[in-house]
Amino acid sequence: MRLTTPGAILLGFLAIALAVFFGLRSRSGVTLDAISIASTSASAPSPLPDPVPVPAPPPSGALADATRALTEQHDALVKACWGPQKEGRVLLSVRARFDAQGHLATKVQLSPRGPVRVDVSECVANTLAPFAIAPANAPASVEIPLSIP
């Protein structure tokens, strides 16, 4: 006896249907009868889960202070990491966390915002001097775009 294409499709469908049926049946607490479906749909809608908390914006001066500190280092970063022979532009996102006294709480994180140039990103990460912001009396986290050159 030869198995034809329609026969193979039917046999495959049957195998999948049996696997799904026995897989659902082996789950404890799952019933798919019409009475349970009707009773759950007629009940009051369940409340939505609590929304994910949105992080508080940084204190008003934190972003300005951090941007100013990066701007002061920009020329030195371009001189050290770019050079005259390179073309184009590298866009990075600089993320920094500060404690309540305005000091860096963690190492600055860089992530690309466009075409990746590993050599430039590594140079910026190694050349970027630690910086601080004015005390904000609360921890702050900022993200600042940085363009090289």
Protein backbone atom coordinates (compact mmCIF):
# COMPACT_ATOMS: atom_id res chain seq x y z
CA MET A 1 0.00 0.00 0.00
CA ARG A 2 1.34 3.40 -1.01
CA LEU A 3 0.81 6.56 1.02
CA THR A 4 -0.39 9.43 -1.17
CA THR A 5 0.06 13.13 -0.39
CA PRO A 6 -3.54 13.68 0.78
CA GLY A 7 -3.26 10.55 2.92
CA ALA A 8 -0.01 11.78 4.49
CA ILE A 9 -1.59 15.16 5.26
CA LEU A 10 -4.58 13.47 6.87
CA LEU A 11 -2.34 11.16 8.90
CA GLY A 12 -0.22 14.13 10.07
CA PHE A 13 -3.32 16.11 11.04
CA LEU A 14 -4.61 13.14 13.01
CA ALA A 15 -1.30 12.76 14.85
CA ILE A 16 -1.23 16.45 15.80
CA ALA A 17 -4.88 16.43 16.88
CA LEU A 18 -4.29 13.44 19.15
CA ALA A 19 -1.17 15.03 20.65
CA VAL A 20 -3.03 18.26 21.39
CA PHE A 21 -6.05 16.40 22.80
CA PHE A 22 -4.03 14.22 25.15
CA GLY A 23 -1.70 17.09 26.03
CA LEU A 24 -4.60 19.30 27.12
CA ARG A 25 -6.32 16.43 28.84
CA SER A 26 -3.28 15.68 30.99
CA ARG A 27 -3.28 19.20 32.43
CA SER A 28 -4.83 19.34 35.85
CA GLY A 29 -7.57 21.88 36.46
CA VAL A 30 -8.25 22.60 32.79
CA THR A 31 -11.77 21.86 31.63
CA LEU A 32 -13.10 22.78 28.26
CA ASP A 33 -16.78 21.97 28.62
CA ALA A 34 -19.43 24.45 27.52
CA ILE A 35 -20.76 25.08 31.04
CA SER A 36 -17.40 26.25 32.44
CA ILE A 37 -16.72 28.42 29.42
CA ALA A 38 -20.16 30.07 29.70
CA SER A 39 -19.80 30.67 33.43
CA THR A 40 -16.39 32.30 33.10
CA SER A 41 -17.47 34.55 30.25
CA ALA A 42 -20.60 35.69 32.12
CA SER A 43 -18.73 36.66 35.27
CA ALA A 44 -17.33 40.11 35.90
CA PRO A 45 -14.16 40.89 33.98
CA SER A 46 -11.01 40.35 35.95
CA PRO A 47 -9.18 43.51 36.97
CA LEU A 48 -6.18 44.51 34.94
CA PRO A 49 -2.80 43.82 36.51
CA ASP A 50 -0.97 46.72 38.06
CA PRO A 51 0.88 48.72 35.42
CA VAL A 52 4.63 48.55 35.33
CA PRO A 53 5.97 51.47 37.36
CA VAL A 54 7.50 54.17 35.24
CA PRO A 55 10.87 55.31 36.55
CA ALA A 56 10.83 58.80 37.94
CA PRO A 57 12.47 61.41 35.74
CA PRO A 58 15.89 62.54 36.90
CA PRO A 59 16.02 65.64 39.05
CA SER A 60 15.84 68.72 36.83
CA GLY A 61 19.50 69.66 37.13
CA ALA A 62 20.92 66.12 36.83
CA LEU A 63 20.45 65.82 33.07
CA ALA A 64 21.73 69.34 32.42
CA ASP A 65 24.79 68.82 34.65
CA ALA A 66 25.64 65.46 33.06
CA THR A 67 25.19 66.88 29.54
CA ARG A 68 27.44 69.80 30.42
CA ALA A 69 30.12 67.43 31.78
CA LEU A 70 30.05 65.34 28.59
CA THR A 71 30.17 68.45 26.42
CA GLU A 72 33.31 69.57 28.24
CA GLN A 73 34.97 66.23 27.38
CA HIS A 74 33.72 66.06 23.78
CA ASP A 75 36.75 67.67 22.08
CA ALA A 76 39.19 65.44 23.97
CA LEU A 77 37.14 62.35 23.07
CA VAL A 78 37.10 63.31 19.37
CA LYS A 79 40.85 63.96 19.38
CA ALA A 80 41.65 60.68 21.14
CA CYS A 81 39.12 58.38 19.46
CA TRP A 82 38.37 59.71 16.00
CA GLY A 83 41.37 60.99 14.12
CA PRO A 84 41.47 62.84 10.78
CA GLN A 85 41.35 59.73 8.55
CA LYS A 86 37.94 58.53 9.68
CA GLU A 87 34.68 59.41 7.97
CA GLY A 88 31.09 59.35 9.08
CA ARG A 89 29.72 59.66 12.58
CA VAL A 90 29.22 57.40 15.58
CA LEU A 91 26.16 57.95 17.76
CA LEU A 92 26.31 56.61 21.29
CA SER A 93 23.95 56.66 24.21
CA VAL A 94 25.66 57.34 27.54
CA ARG A 95 23.86 56.02 30.62
CA ALA A 96 25.03 57.07 34.07
CA ARG A 97 23.70 56.63 37.59
CA PHE A 98 24.52 59.07 40.34
CA ASP A 99 24.08 58.82 44.09
CA ALA A 100 22.38 61.50 46.18
CA GLN A 101 25.68 63.39 46.54
CA GLY A 102 26.09 63.62 42.75
CA HIS A 103 28.93 61.10 42.38
CA LEU A 104 28.87 58.30 39.80
CA ALA A 105 27.31 55.25 41.46
CA THR A 106 28.15 52.81 38.63
CA LYS A 107 30.42 52.70 35.64
CA VAL A 108 29.08 54.68 32.69
CA GLN A 109 27.42 52.44 30.10
CA LEU A 110 27.67 53.11 26.38
CA SER A 111 25.34 51.69 23.76
CA PRO A 112 25.34 52.36 20.01
CA ARG A 113 22.50 54.36 18.48
CA GLY A 114 23.41 53.75 14.87
CA PRO A 115 26.20 52.10 12.90
CA VAL A 116 28.57 50.34 15.28
CA ARG A 117 32.26 51.21 15.36
CA VAL A 118 33.73 49.01 18.06
CA ASP A 119 37.10 50.76 18.02
CA VAL A 120 35.53 54.17 18.66
CA SER A 121 33.13 52.83 21.33
CA GLU A 122 35.94 51.11 23.21
CA CYS A 123 38.13 54.21 23.00
CA VAL A 124 35.34 56.43 24.35
CA ALA A 125 34.69 53.96 27.18
CA ASN A 126 38.39 53.97 28.12
CA THR A 127 38.96 57.70 27.63
CA LEU A 128 35.80 59.11 29.24
CA ALA A 129 36.79 60.66 32.56
CA PRO A 130 34.50 60.19 35.56
CA PHE A 131 32.24 63.17 36.14
CA ALA A 132 29.83 64.32 38.80
CA ILE A 133 26.67 66.39 39.01
CA ALA A 134 25.39 68.79 41.63
CA PRO A 135 23.98 66.98 44.68
CA ALA A 136 20.32 66.21 44.07
CA ASN A 137 19.44 64.70 47.48
CA ALA A 138 18.18 61.64 45.59
CA PRO A 139 19.77 59.08 43.29
CA ALA A 140 19.51 60.00 39.61
CA SER A 141 19.83 58.11 36.37
CA VAL A 142 20.37 59.87 33.04
CA GLU A 143 20.74 58.90 29.40
CA ILE A 144 22.54 61.34 27.12
CA PRO A 145 23.14 61.11 23.35
CA LEU A 146 26.79 61.52 22.34
CA SER A 147 27.95 62.07 18.77
CA ILE A 148 31.55 61.45 17.69
CA PRO A 149 32.90 63.57 15.97
